[in-house]
Amino acid sequence: MSKNNNHNRLPRAKGSEMATFYAPKDCARKVKRIVFQPENRRIIEEFLTILEIKDKFAEHDVPIPNKIVMYGPPGTGKTLTGFFMAQQLNIPLVLVRLDSIIHSHLGETASNVRKIFEYAKASPCVLFLDEFDAIARTRENNDEVKEMARVVNTLLQCLDEFECDSLFMAATNLQEELDHAVWRRFDTKMTYGMPDDTTRHEYIRLLIGDFEHEEHTLLNASSSLKGCSFADMEQIVLKAKRKAIIESSRLTPRHIQFSLEEYKPHLNT
């Protein structure tokens, strides 16, 4: 992670910074291997195109989108998309630490939410908040109705006032629990799912890269890792590469199979 003046000004809570700062060059390293499903690729390309010609939209008094919500199971690339957007826009990624935002003292969580948005309004960045449902949960049927309502109301106000050069991105695995009013504030929504055959094959190809491997390793891995998330595939292929390095050998289907058995992912078949 890069240290610079922006990083030093990150908002604080409980005596620690509420986010982690990644410079654009850090983000570029994170997204060397990224594969989007076709619909999400289309949405991202359109989003970036709009930002490139935002003057034309201003001429027609059409607002520029700057809020993206992503939903789907863990390990499917939501956070990585945040790194990709920061790299493409050449601005830092500010990854919010949820444990620092949520506070047991009355009113502190709402105050912390406002602090992170004020930071993003003052310093162009991609402001990324994972597990978004923790602060954007529906205000109905909640055990802590008053405090949750305070947090959600503050969040709504921050989203309404978010007119700046920053981009806000939120990710959740529990989209059905988001407050409906919060959901409506997002101008761009992206659905993430488990990799299909094409994206799985392409991602494993990128993971193997230039590592010397036997002829059928890629096809074998693409078949045996069916049902794995992107995050699971990355860990399994890395584990397999380590085994090959220890043996001073090429990467083989055997390495992939042993790594799969050791890693024990929760397969979605």
Protein backbone atom coordinates (compact mmCIF):
# COMPACT_ATOMS: atom_id res chain seq x y z
CA MET A 1 0.00 0.00 0.00
CA SER A 2 1.19 3.46 -0.81
CA LYS A 3 1.63 6.11 1.80
CA ASN A 4 0.90 9.68 0.81
CA ASN A 5 -0.83 12.81 2.00
CA ASN A 6 -4.31 11.53 1.11
CA HIS A 7 -3.67 8.43 3.17
CA ASN A 8 -2.63 10.51 6.15
CA ARG A 9 -5.95 12.34 6.09
CA LEU A 10 -8.15 9.26 6.18
CA PRO A 11 -10.95 9.61 8.76
CA ARG A 12 -10.43 7.90 12.08
CA ALA A 13 -12.61 6.10 14.62
CA LYS A 14 -11.74 4.17 17.77
CA GLY A 15 -8.24 5.60 17.41
CA SER A 16 -7.60 3.94 14.05
CA GLU A 17 -8.19 4.79 10.39
CA MET A 18 -11.58 3.78 9.04
CA ALA A 19 -10.28 2.69 5.65
CA THR A 20 -7.31 1.31 3.77
CA PHE A 21 -5.79 3.41 1.01
CA TYR A 22 -4.59 1.91 -2.31
CA ALA A 23 -2.86 4.11 -4.87
CA PRO A 24 -3.71 3.51 -8.57
CA LYS A 25 -0.46 1.58 -9.09
CA ASP A 26 -1.41 -0.72 -6.19
CA CYS A 27 -4.79 -1.29 -7.82
CA ALA A 28 -3.13 -2.11 -11.15
CA ARG A 29 -1.18 -4.92 -9.51
CA LYS A 30 -4.39 -6.32 -8.04
CA VAL A 31 -6.19 -6.58 -11.39
CA LYS A 32 -3.56 -8.25 -13.54
CA ARG A 33 -5.86 -11.27 -13.69
CA ILE A 34 -9.51 -10.31 -13.83
CA VAL A 35 -12.34 -11.80 -15.87
CA PHE A 36 -15.81 -10.26 -16.05
CA GLN A 37 -18.97 -12.02 -17.02
CA PRO A 38 -20.30 -10.51 -20.28
CA GLU A 39 -23.13 -8.44 -18.80
CA ASN A 40 -20.92 -6.92 -16.13
CA ARG A 41 -18.22 -6.21 -18.69
CA ARG A 42 -20.81 -4.33 -20.76
CA ILE A 43 -22.02 -2.31 -17.76
CA ILE A 44 -18.46 -1.35 -16.77
CA GLU A 45 -17.47 -0.37 -20.30
CA GLU A 46 -20.56 1.82 -20.65
CA PHE A 47 -19.92 3.39 -17.24
CA LEU A 48 -16.33 4.26 -18.15
CA THR A 49 -17.40 5.61 -21.54
CA ILE A 50 -19.86 7.97 -19.86
CA LEU A 51 -17.12 9.31 -17.60
CA GLU A 52 -14.88 9.91 -20.60
CA ILE A 53 -17.49 12.10 -22.32
CA LYS A 54 -19.16 13.61 -19.26
CA ASP A 55 -19.11 17.09 -20.83
CA LYS A 56 -21.63 15.86 -23.41
CA PHE A 57 -23.95 14.70 -20.66
CA ALA A 58 -23.60 18.04 -18.92
CA GLU A 59 -24.68 19.78 -22.14
CA HIS A 60 -27.92 17.80 -22.05
CA ASP A 61 -28.34 18.17 -18.29
CA VAL A 62 -28.12 14.39 -17.82
CA PRO A 63 -26.55 13.38 -14.47
CA ILE A 64 -23.31 11.40 -14.46
CA PRO A 65 -23.58 8.04 -12.64
CA ASN A 66 -21.32 7.74 -9.60
CA LYS A 67 -22.88 5.05 -7.40
CA ILE A 68 -22.59 1.31 -8.08
CA VAL A 69 -24.04 -1.49 -5.98
CA MET A 70 -22.86 -5.06 -6.58
CA TYR A 71 -24.55 -8.14 -5.22
CA GLY A 72 -23.90 -11.87 -5.34
CA PRO A 73 -22.10 -14.67 -3.47
CA PRO A 74 -18.63 -14.25 -1.93
CA GLY A 75 -15.54 -14.67 -4.08
CA THR A 76 -17.15 -13.68 -7.37
CA GLY A 77 -15.14 -10.50 -8.02
CA LYS A 78 -17.05 -7.64 -6.40
CA THR A 79 -14.12 -6.17 -4.48
CA LEU A 80 -11.77 -6.79 -7.40
CA THR A 81 -14.11 -4.68 -9.53
CA GLY A 82 -13.45 -1.79 -7.16
CA PHE A 83 -9.70 -2.14 -7.74
CA PHE A 84 -10.32 -2.32 -11.49
CA MET A 85 -12.40 0.87 -11.54
CA ALA A 86 -9.81 2.76 -9.50
CA GLN A 87 -7.06 1.60 -11.85
CA GLN A 88 -9.08 2.58 -14.94
CA LEU A 89 -9.95 6.01 -13.53
CA ASN A 90 -6.43 6.52 -12.17
CA ILE A 91 -7.67 7.47 -8.72
CA PRO A 92 -7.07 5.78 -5.35
CA LEU A 93 -9.26 3.07 -3.90
CA VAL A 94 -10.38 3.72 -0.34
CA LEU A 95 -11.52 0.40 1.11
CA VAL A 96 -13.69 1.07 4.17
CA ARG A 97 -13.10 -1.06 7.25
CA LEU A 98 -16.54 -2.04 8.45
CA ASP A 99 -15.32 -2.93 11.94
CA SER A 100 -14.14 0.65 12.42
CA ILE A 101 -17.34 2.21 11.07
CA ILE A 102 -19.79 0.39 13.32
CA HIS A 103 -19.72 1.66 16.90
CA SER A 104 -21.65 0.61 19.98
CA HIS A 105 -22.13 4.18 21.21
CA LEU A 106 -25.38 5.82 20.19
CA GLY A 107 -24.99 7.94 17.07
CA GLU A 108 -21.32 7.09 16.44
CA THR A 109 -21.97 4.79 13.48
CA ALA A 110 -23.98 7.46 11.67
CA SER A 111 -21.24 10.00 12.39
CA ASN A 112 -18.59 7.65 10.99
CA VAL A 113 -20.62 7.09 7.82
CA ARG A 114 -20.76 10.84 7.27
CA LYS A 115 -16.99 11.13 7.84
CA ILE A 116 -16.10 8.64 5.10
CA PHE A 117 -18.40 10.36 2.59
CA GLU A 118 -17.00 13.78 3.47
CA TYR A 119 -13.52 12.40 2.85
CA ALA A 120 -14.53 11.08 -0.60
CA LYS A 121 -16.14 14.41 -1.51
CA ALA A 122 -12.91 16.23 -0.66
CA SER A 123 -10.46 13.69 -2.17
CA PRO A 124 -11.35 12.04 -5.52
CA CYS A 125 -11.30 8.28 -5.07
CA VAL A 126 -13.26 5.08 -5.42
CA LEU A 127 -14.93 4.74 -2.03
CA PHE A 128 -15.63 1.03 -1.54
CA LEU A 129 -17.80 -0.42 1.20
CA ASP A 130 -18.11 -4.19 1.47
CA GLU A 131 -20.83 -5.98 3.47
CA PHE A 132 -22.95 -2.94 2.76
CA ASP A 133 -26.04 -4.53 4.30
CA ALA A 134 -24.48 -4.02 7.75
CA ILE A 135 -25.21 -0.28 7.59
CA ALA A 136 -27.91 -0.18 4.90
CA ARG A 137 -30.25 -2.83 6.31
CA THR A 138 -33.96 -2.28 6.03
CA ARG A 139 -35.46 -0.21 8.81
CA GLU A 140 -38.44 -2.56 9.07
CA ASN A 141 -38.62 -5.34 11.66
CA ASN A 142 -35.24 -4.53 13.19
CA ASP A 143 -34.38 -5.02 16.85
CA GLU A 144 -32.51 -1.75 16.94
CA VAL A 145 -34.98 0.31 14.95
CA LYS A 146 -34.06 3.77 16.21
CA GLU A 147 -30.30 3.41 15.85
CA MET A 148 -30.57 1.63 12.49
CA ALA A 149 -32.97 4.30 11.24
CA ARG A 150 -30.46 6.97 12.25
CA VAL A 151 -27.68 5.23 10.31
CA VAL A 152 -29.81 4.61 7.22
CA ASN A 153 -31.16 8.17 7.22
CA THR A 154 -27.61 9.51 7.39
CA LEU A 155 -26.58 7.17 4.58
CA LEU A 156 -29.47 8.34 2.41
CA GLN A 157 -28.52 11.96 2.97
CA CYS A 158 -24.88 11.22 2.12
CA LEU A 159 -25.89 9.44 -1.09
CA ASP A 160 -28.16 12.31 -2.10
CA GLU A 161 -25.36 14.82 -1.50
CA PHE A 162 -22.70 12.75 -3.26
CA GLU A 163 -22.00 15.12 -6.14
CA CYS A 164 -18.25 15.03 -6.66
CA ASP A 165 -15.46 13.44 -8.69
CA SER A 166 -15.41 10.30 -6.56
CA LEU A 167 -17.16 7.01 -7.21
CA PHE A 168 -19.04 5.15 -4.50
CA MET A 169 -19.16 1.34 -4.78
CA ALA A 170 -20.97 -0.96 -2.37
CA ALA A 171 -20.99 -4.76 -2.26
CA THR A 172 -23.33 -7.14 -0.50
CA ASN A 173 -24.20 -10.83 -0.40
CA LEU A 174 -27.61 -9.99 1.08
CA GLN A 175 -29.23 -7.59 -1.34
CA GLU A 176 -32.73 -8.55 -0.17
CA GLU A 177 -31.92 -7.04 3.24
CA LEU A 178 -31.01 -3.59 1.92
CA ASP A 179 -33.37 -0.76 2.72
CA HIS A 180 -35.49 -0.03 -0.36
CA ALA A 181 -34.78 3.69 -0.21
CA VAL A 182 -31.03 3.02 -0.21
CA TRP A 183 -31.40 0.59 -3.11
CA ARG A 184 -33.12 3.27 -5.20
CA ARG A 185 -30.22 5.70 -4.73
CA PHE A 186 -27.88 3.61 -6.88
CA ASP A 187 -27.80 4.49 -10.57
CA THR A 188 -25.87 1.33 -11.50
CA LYS A 189 -26.56 -2.21 -10.27
CA MET A 190 -24.46 -5.26 -11.06
CA THR A 191 -25.25 -8.92 -10.38
CA TYR A 192 -22.39 -11.32 -9.66
CA GLY A 193 -22.67 -15.08 -9.96
CA MET A 194 -20.46 -18.14 -10.00
CA PRO A 195 -18.21 -18.42 -13.10
CA ASP A 196 -19.66 -20.16 -16.12
CA ASP A 197 -17.61 -22.53 -18.29
CA THR A 198 -16.16 -19.74 -20.46
CA THR A 199 -15.15 -17.37 -17.68
CA ARG A 200 -13.80 -20.24 -15.56
CA HIS A 201 -11.59 -21.46 -18.39
CA GLU A 202 -10.32 -17.95 -19.14
CA TYR A 203 -9.60 -17.19 -15.49
CA ILE A 204 -7.66 -20.42 -14.94
CA ARG A 205 -5.67 -19.68 -18.11
CA LEU A 206 -4.71 -16.29 -16.63
CA LEU A 207 -3.89 -17.87 -13.26
CA ILE A 208 -1.55 -20.44 -14.83
CA GLY A 209 -0.01 -17.75 -17.02
CA ASP A 210 3.56 -18.48 -18.08
CA PHE A 211 4.04 -21.19 -15.47
CA GLU A 212 5.30 -24.31 -17.26
CA HIS A 213 2.57 -26.94 -17.32
CA GLU A 214 1.60 -30.21 -18.93
CA GLU A 215 -0.53 -30.08 -22.06
CA HIS A 216 -3.87 -31.04 -20.50
CA THR A 217 -3.52 -29.16 -17.21
CA LEU A 218 -5.69 -26.20 -18.23
CA LEU A 219 -8.56 -28.32 -19.55
CA ASN A 220 -8.37 -30.64 -16.56
CA ALA A 221 -8.39 -27.74 -14.11
CA SER A 222 -11.30 -26.06 -15.88
CA SER A 223 -13.30 -29.27 -15.52
CA SER A 224 -12.33 -30.21 -11.97
CA LEU A 225 -12.81 -26.69 -10.55
CA LYS A 226 -16.36 -26.36 -11.81
CA GLY A 227 -18.52 -24.82 -9.08
CA CYS A 228 -15.63 -22.88 -7.52
CA SER A 229 -15.69 -19.13 -7.10
CA PHE A 230 -12.96 -16.95 -8.60
CA ALA A 231 -11.40 -16.61 -5.14
CA ASP A 232 -11.39 -20.40 -4.64
CA MET A 233 -9.82 -21.01 -8.05
CA GLU A 234 -7.06 -18.51 -7.32
CA GLN A 235 -6.16 -20.21 -4.03
CA ILE A 236 -6.25 -23.71 -5.54
CA VAL A 237 -4.06 -22.83 -8.53
CA LEU A 238 -1.58 -21.00 -6.27
CA LYS A 239 -1.43 -24.04 -4.00
CA ALA A 240 -0.87 -26.27 -7.04
CA LYS A 241 1.96 -24.03 -8.27
CA ARG A 242 3.64 -24.28 -4.87
CA LYS A 243 3.51 -28.07 -5.07
CA ALA A 244 5.05 -27.99 -8.55
CA ILE A 245 7.84 -25.65 -7.38
CA ILE A 246 8.62 -27.93 -4.41
CA GLU A 247 8.92 -30.87 -6.82
CA SER A 248 10.84 -28.81 -9.41
CA SER A 249 8.32 -29.97 -11.99
CA ARG A 250 5.79 -28.65 -14.43
CA LEU A 251 2.26 -27.95 -13.23
CA THR A 252 0.17 -31.08 -13.72
CA PRO A 253 -3.46 -32.15 -13.30
CA ARG A 254 -2.28 -34.11 -10.27
CA HIS A 255 -1.16 -30.89 -8.56
CA ILE A 256 -4.54 -29.32 -9.25
CA GLN A 257 -6.42 -32.33 -7.92
CA PHE A 258 -4.36 -32.58 -4.73
CA SER A 259 -4.78 -28.84 -4.13
CA LEU A 260 -8.53 -29.06 -4.66
CA GLU A 261 -8.79 -31.89 -2.13
CA GLU A 262 -6.71 -29.98 0.43
CA TYR A 263 -8.46 -26.63 -0.03
CA LYS A 264 -11.97 -28.14 0.27
CA PRO A 265 -14.03 -25.31 -1.27
CA HIS A 266 -17.79 -25.13 -0.84
CA LEU A 267 -18.68 -26.10 -4.38
CA ASN A 268 -21.74 -24.65 -6.11
CA THR A 269 -22.65 -27.27 -8.67
